[in-house]
Amino acid sequence: MPDDVESYNPWTVVHLVFHHLVDKGLHPVLGSTGDPGAPAAALLRALGIEPSPEGDKRVMAAVHEHLAEIRAAVFEE
């Protein structure tokens, strides 16, 4: 990673924003209707932060499923 690029845990940033909003007397809700990943990613993008797909459990689950399909096809399981 280049020296001029900073990396943050995206949930730390979301947590910081939520605490700031609560301190201002607001009651933020994120993902109250399901997985908070998409709204959290939208919040990060609004702040100019591009979330990394490596942190998305759904992406990793899809990768593992795909690899299992490949193994099954190659080894005829």
C-alpha atoms as a PDB file:
ATOM      1  CA  MET A   1       0.000   0.000   0.000  1.00  0.00           C
ATOM      2  CA  PRO A   2       1.461   3.419  -0.890  1.00  0.00           C
ATOM      3  CA  ASP A   3       2.524   5.626   2.026  1.00  0.00           C
ATOM      4  CA  ASP A   4      -0.003   8.350   1.140  1.00  0.00           C
ATOM      5  CA  VAL A   5      -3.021   6.000   1.377  1.00  0.00           C
ATOM      6  CA  GLU A   6      -4.682   5.576   4.757  1.00  0.00           C
ATOM      7  CA  SER A   7      -6.709   2.547   5.733  1.00  0.00           C
ATOM      8  CA  TYR A   8      -9.546   2.417   8.252  1.00  0.00           C
ATOM      9  CA  ASN A   9     -11.860  -0.244   9.529  1.00  0.00           C
ATOM     10  CA  PRO A  10     -15.136   0.927   7.937  1.00  0.00           C
ATOM     11  CA  TRP A  11     -17.182  -0.049  10.986  1.00  0.00           C
ATOM     12  CA  THR A  12     -14.986   2.188  13.142  1.00  0.00           C
ATOM     13  CA  VAL A  13     -15.893   5.133  10.919  1.00  0.00           C
ATOM     14  CA  VAL A  14     -19.618   4.251  10.991  1.00  0.00           C
ATOM     15  CA  HIS A  15     -19.428   3.869  14.783  1.00  0.00           C
ATOM     16  CA  LEU A  16     -17.753   7.285  15.110  1.00  0.00           C
ATOM     17  CA  VAL A  17     -20.425   8.951  12.956  1.00  0.00           C
ATOM     18  CA  PHE A  18     -23.217   7.333  14.964  1.00  0.00           C
ATOM     19  CA  HIS A  19     -21.726   8.452  18.281  1.00  0.00           C
ATOM     20  CA  HIS A  20     -21.408  11.982  16.917  1.00  0.00           C
ATOM     21  CA  LEU A  21     -25.081  11.967  15.872  1.00  0.00           C
ATOM     22  CA  VAL A  22     -26.171  10.593  19.260  1.00  0.00           C
ATOM     23  CA  ASP A  23     -24.132  13.293  21.018  1.00  0.00           C
ATOM     24  CA  LYS A  24     -26.111  15.845  18.979  1.00  0.00           C
ATOM     25  CA  GLY A  25     -29.386  14.372  20.305  1.00  0.00           C
ATOM     26  CA  LEU A  26     -30.266  12.376  17.193  1.00  0.00           C
ATOM     27  CA  HIS A  27     -31.244   8.709  17.080  1.00  0.00           C
ATOM     28  CA  PRO A  28     -29.587   7.165  14.014  1.00  0.00           C
ATOM     29  CA  VAL A  29     -30.712   3.753  12.781  1.00  0.00           C
ATOM     30  CA  LEU A  30     -28.779   1.710  10.266  1.00  0.00           C
ATOM     31  CA  GLY A  31     -30.058  -1.478   8.725  1.00  0.00           C
ATOM     32  CA  SER A  32     -33.134  -1.707  10.918  1.00  0.00           C
ATOM     33  CA  THR A  33     -34.812  -3.714   8.178  1.00  0.00           C
ATOM     34  CA  GLY A  34     -32.000  -6.203   7.600  1.00  0.00           C
ATOM     35  CA  ASP A  35     -28.305  -6.336   6.788  1.00  0.00           C
ATOM     36  CA  PRO A  36     -26.668  -2.992   7.658  1.00  0.00           C
ATOM     37  CA  GLY A  37     -23.858  -3.509   5.116  1.00  0.00           C
ATOM     38  CA  ALA A  38     -25.434  -1.637   2.194  1.00  0.00           C
ATOM     39  CA  PRO A  39     -26.528   1.433   4.214  1.00  0.00           C
ATOM     40  CA  ALA A  40     -23.143   1.507   5.961  1.00  0.00           C
ATOM     41  CA  ALA A  41     -21.370   1.403   2.598  1.00  0.00           C
ATOM     42  CA  ALA A  42     -23.576   4.266   1.367  1.00  0.00           C
ATOM     43  CA  LEU A  43     -22.695   6.290   4.467  1.00  0.00           C
ATOM     44  CA  LEU A  44     -18.982   5.676   3.915  1.00  0.00           C
ATOM     45  CA  ARG A  45     -19.235   6.671   0.242  1.00  0.00           C
ATOM     46  CA  ALA A  46     -21.053   9.862   1.260  1.00  0.00           C
ATOM     47  CA  LEU A  47     -18.040  10.626   3.443  1.00  0.00           C
ATOM     48  CA  GLY A  48     -15.672  10.004   0.530  1.00  0.00           C
ATOM     49  CA  ILE A  49     -14.517   6.589   1.785  1.00  0.00           C
ATOM     50  CA  GLU A  50     -14.651   3.663  -0.634  1.00  0.00           C
ATOM     51  CA  PRO A  51     -15.432   0.500   1.353  1.00  0.00           C
ATOM     52  CA  SER A  52     -13.366  -2.553   0.546  1.00  0.00           C
ATOM     53  CA  PRO A  53     -15.241  -5.652  -0.624  1.00  0.00           C
ATOM     54  CA  GLU A  54     -12.864  -7.876   1.369  1.00  0.00           C
ATOM     55  CA  GLY A  55     -14.751  -6.822   4.480  1.00  0.00           C
ATOM     56  CA  ASP A  56     -18.126  -7.901   3.124  1.00  0.00           C
ATOM     57  CA  LYS A  57     -19.058 -11.322   4.478  1.00  0.00           C
ATOM     58  CA  ARG A  58     -21.544 -11.824   1.629  1.00  0.00           C
ATOM     59  CA  VAL A  59     -18.749 -11.468  -0.922  1.00  0.00           C
ATOM     60  CA  MET A  60     -16.575 -13.974   0.910  1.00  0.00           C
ATOM     61  CA  ALA A  61     -19.498 -16.414   1.240  1.00  0.00           C
ATOM     62  CA  ALA A  62     -20.097 -16.189  -2.519  1.00  0.00           C
ATOM     63  CA  VAL A  63     -16.400 -16.829  -3.169  1.00  0.00           C
ATOM     64  CA  HIS A  64     -16.428 -19.898  -0.923  1.00  0.00           C
ATOM     65  CA  GLU A  65     -19.575 -21.218  -2.647  1.00  0.00           C
ATOM     66  CA  HIS A  66     -18.013 -20.721  -6.063  1.00  0.00           C
ATOM     67  CA  LEU A  67     -14.833 -22.492  -5.001  1.00  0.00           C
ATOM     68  CA  ALA A  68     -16.915 -25.396  -3.670  1.00  0.00           C
ATOM     69  CA  GLU A  69     -18.685 -25.640  -7.045  1.00  0.00           C
ATOM     70  CA  ILE A  70     -15.337 -25.706  -8.848  1.00  0.00           C
ATOM     71  CA  ARG A  71     -14.005 -28.401  -6.505  1.00  0.00           C
ATOM     72  CA  ALA A  72     -17.153 -30.481  -7.014  1.00  0.00           C
ATOM     73  CA  ALA A  73     -16.862 -30.155 -10.802  1.00  0.00           C
ATOM     74  CA  VAL A  74     -13.151 -30.997 -10.889  1.00  0.00           C
ATOM     75  CA  PHE A  75     -13.338 -33.892  -8.448  1.00  0.00           C
ATOM     76  CA  GLU A  76     -16.858 -34.973  -9.527  1.00  0.00           C
ATOM     77  CA  GLU A  77     -18.207 -35.007  -6.012  1.00  0.00           C
END
